[in-house]
Amino acid sequence: MHPSVLSAVQTTLTLALMTWMITGFTPLPGRWLRWKMFCRATFTIISLTGTTSDGHTEPVNVYDYLSPGSFILGPPQLQRILDHLTHSGRYERIDGAGRILSARGEQSVEVRDSHVVL
């Protein structure tokens, strides 16, 4: 194949791939560069402290209780993990504070006495 034809094919394929990738980032009207996978996801960034039955406190990492490779954690999933940790007897109570990031923006979240409070 002639080198100029090969170069034209490569350029065309590159432009087609770039167009496809850019349109994949625009699922919502008026919002540019949003990836469809994340546009409806909810992320929670939170620091938690668990209190054991003997009064000791220790940090709690809720991400240890998610499926491997999972990182999307919304308030309902957070509450289920907190319920599991308190009902299993591992902690008497869990408290903490953090942020929730979603398509609706950023908001504060608190955990008081093992309950998620938005």
Protein backbone atom coordinates (compact mmCIF):
# COMPACT_ATOMS: atom_id res chain seq x y z
CA MET A 1 0.00 0.00 0.00
CA HIS A 2 1.24 3.48 -0.82
CA PRO A 3 2.53 5.40 2.27
CA SER A 4 0.23 8.39 1.67
CA VAL A 5 -2.85 6.11 1.58
CA LEU A 6 -1.75 4.43 4.81
CA SER A 7 -1.24 7.83 6.44
CA ALA A 8 -4.69 8.98 5.30
CA VAL A 9 -6.31 5.81 6.70
CA GLN A 10 -4.48 6.24 10.03
CA THR A 11 -5.54 9.88 10.26
CA THR A 12 -9.17 9.02 9.47
CA LEU A 13 -9.25 6.22 12.04
CA THR A 14 -7.61 8.46 14.65
CA LEU A 15 -10.17 11.22 14.07
CA ALA A 16 -13.05 8.72 14.20
CA LEU A 17 -11.73 7.29 17.49
CA MET A 18 -11.31 10.77 18.98
CA THR A 19 -14.86 11.73 17.95
CA TRP A 20 -16.25 8.54 19.47
CA MET A 21 -14.36 9.13 22.74
CA ILE A 22 -15.45 12.77 23.02
CA THR A 23 -19.12 11.92 22.45
CA GLY A 24 -18.82 9.23 25.13
CA PHE A 25 -17.99 11.97 27.61
CA THR A 26 -21.15 13.99 26.91
CA PRO A 27 -24.18 12.07 28.22
CA LEU A 28 -26.05 15.05 29.64
CA PRO A 29 -27.07 18.09 27.59
CA GLY A 30 -24.97 21.10 28.44
CA ARG A 31 -22.33 19.06 30.24
CA TRP A 32 -19.07 18.47 28.42
CA LEU A 33 -16.47 15.83 29.11
CA ARG A 34 -18.65 13.69 31.42
CA TRP A 35 -18.06 9.97 31.13
CA LYS A 36 -21.31 7.97 31.04
CA MET A 37 -20.03 5.50 33.61
CA PHE A 38 -19.58 8.21 36.24
CA CYS A 39 -22.37 10.68 35.45
CA ARG A 40 -24.84 8.94 37.78
CA ALA A 41 -22.38 7.50 40.28
CA THR A 42 -22.16 8.62 43.89
CA PHE A 43 -18.81 8.73 45.65
CA THR A 44 -18.35 9.08 49.40
CA ILE A 45 -15.17 10.34 51.01
CA ILE A 46 -15.48 9.89 54.74
CA SER A 47 -13.44 9.45 57.92
CA LEU A 48 -15.02 7.14 60.47
CA THR A 49 -14.16 6.20 64.03
CA GLY A 50 -15.55 3.04 65.59
CA THR A 51 -16.05 2.60 69.32
CA THR A 52 -15.72 -0.98 70.60
CA SER A 53 -17.71 -2.44 73.50
CA ASP A 54 -14.77 -1.85 75.87
CA GLY A 55 -14.60 1.87 74.95
CA HIS A 56 -11.58 1.83 72.64
CA THR A 57 -11.76 3.83 69.43
CA GLU A 58 -10.17 2.99 66.11
CA PRO A 59 -10.44 4.21 62.52
CA VAL A 60 -12.92 2.36 60.30
CA ASN A 61 -12.23 1.89 56.59
CA VAL A 62 -15.57 1.16 54.91
CA TYR A 63 -13.83 0.45 51.61
CA ASP A 64 -12.48 -2.77 53.13
CA TYR A 65 -16.07 -4.06 53.07
CA LEU A 66 -16.76 -3.34 49.38
CA SER A 67 -16.24 -5.84 46.57
CA PRO A 68 -12.67 -5.89 45.21
CA GLY A 69 -12.26 -3.16 42.60
CA SER A 70 -15.42 -1.34 43.72
CA PHE A 71 -15.15 2.26 44.79
CA ILE A 72 -18.65 3.68 44.28
CA LEU A 73 -20.26 4.13 47.68
CA GLY A 74 -23.53 5.97 48.21
CA PRO A 75 -25.40 6.64 51.46
CA PRO A 76 -27.55 3.45 51.31
CA GLN A 77 -24.48 1.24 50.83
CA LEU A 78 -22.64 3.11 53.59
CA GLN A 79 -25.59 2.55 55.95
CA ARG A 80 -25.65 -1.19 55.16
CA ILE A 81 -21.93 -1.47 55.97
CA LEU A 82 -22.43 0.45 59.23
CA ASP A 83 -25.37 -1.81 60.15
CA HIS A 84 -23.25 -4.89 59.47
CA LEU A 85 -20.37 -3.61 61.62
CA THR A 86 -22.60 -2.70 64.56
CA HIS A 87 -24.92 -5.74 64.40
CA SER A 88 -21.96 -8.11 64.14
CA GLY A 89 -20.70 -6.75 67.47
CA ARG A 90 -17.47 -5.39 66.07
CA TYR A 91 -18.37 -1.82 67.13
CA GLU A 92 -20.84 -0.34 69.61
CA ARG A 93 -21.13 2.80 67.52
CA ILE A 94 -19.49 4.51 64.55
CA ASP A 95 -19.15 8.27 64.06
CA GLY A 96 -17.57 10.43 61.39
CA ALA A 97 -17.88 13.10 58.72
CA GLY A 98 -17.14 13.51 55.05
CA ARG A 99 -18.37 14.54 51.60
CA ILE A 100 -20.64 12.97 49.00
CA LEU A 101 -19.90 13.67 45.34
CA SER A 102 -22.61 13.01 42.77
CA ALA A 103 -24.17 14.43 39.61
CA ARG A 104 -26.12 16.80 41.90
CA GLY A 105 -22.88 18.27 43.23
CA GLU A 106 -21.04 17.99 46.52
CA GLN A 107 -22.67 17.83 49.94
CA SER A 108 -21.69 17.10 53.51
CA VAL A 109 -22.44 13.80 55.18
CA GLU A 110 -22.16 12.82 58.84
CA VAL A 111 -22.37 9.54 60.64
CA ARG A 112 -23.80 9.92 64.13
CA ASP A 113 -24.32 6.92 66.38
CA SER A 114 -23.97 4.58 63.35
CA HIS A 115 -26.59 6.41 61.24
CA VAL A 116 -25.89 8.30 57.99
CA VAL A 117 -27.13 11.91 58.20
CA LEU A 118 -27.15 14.06 55.06
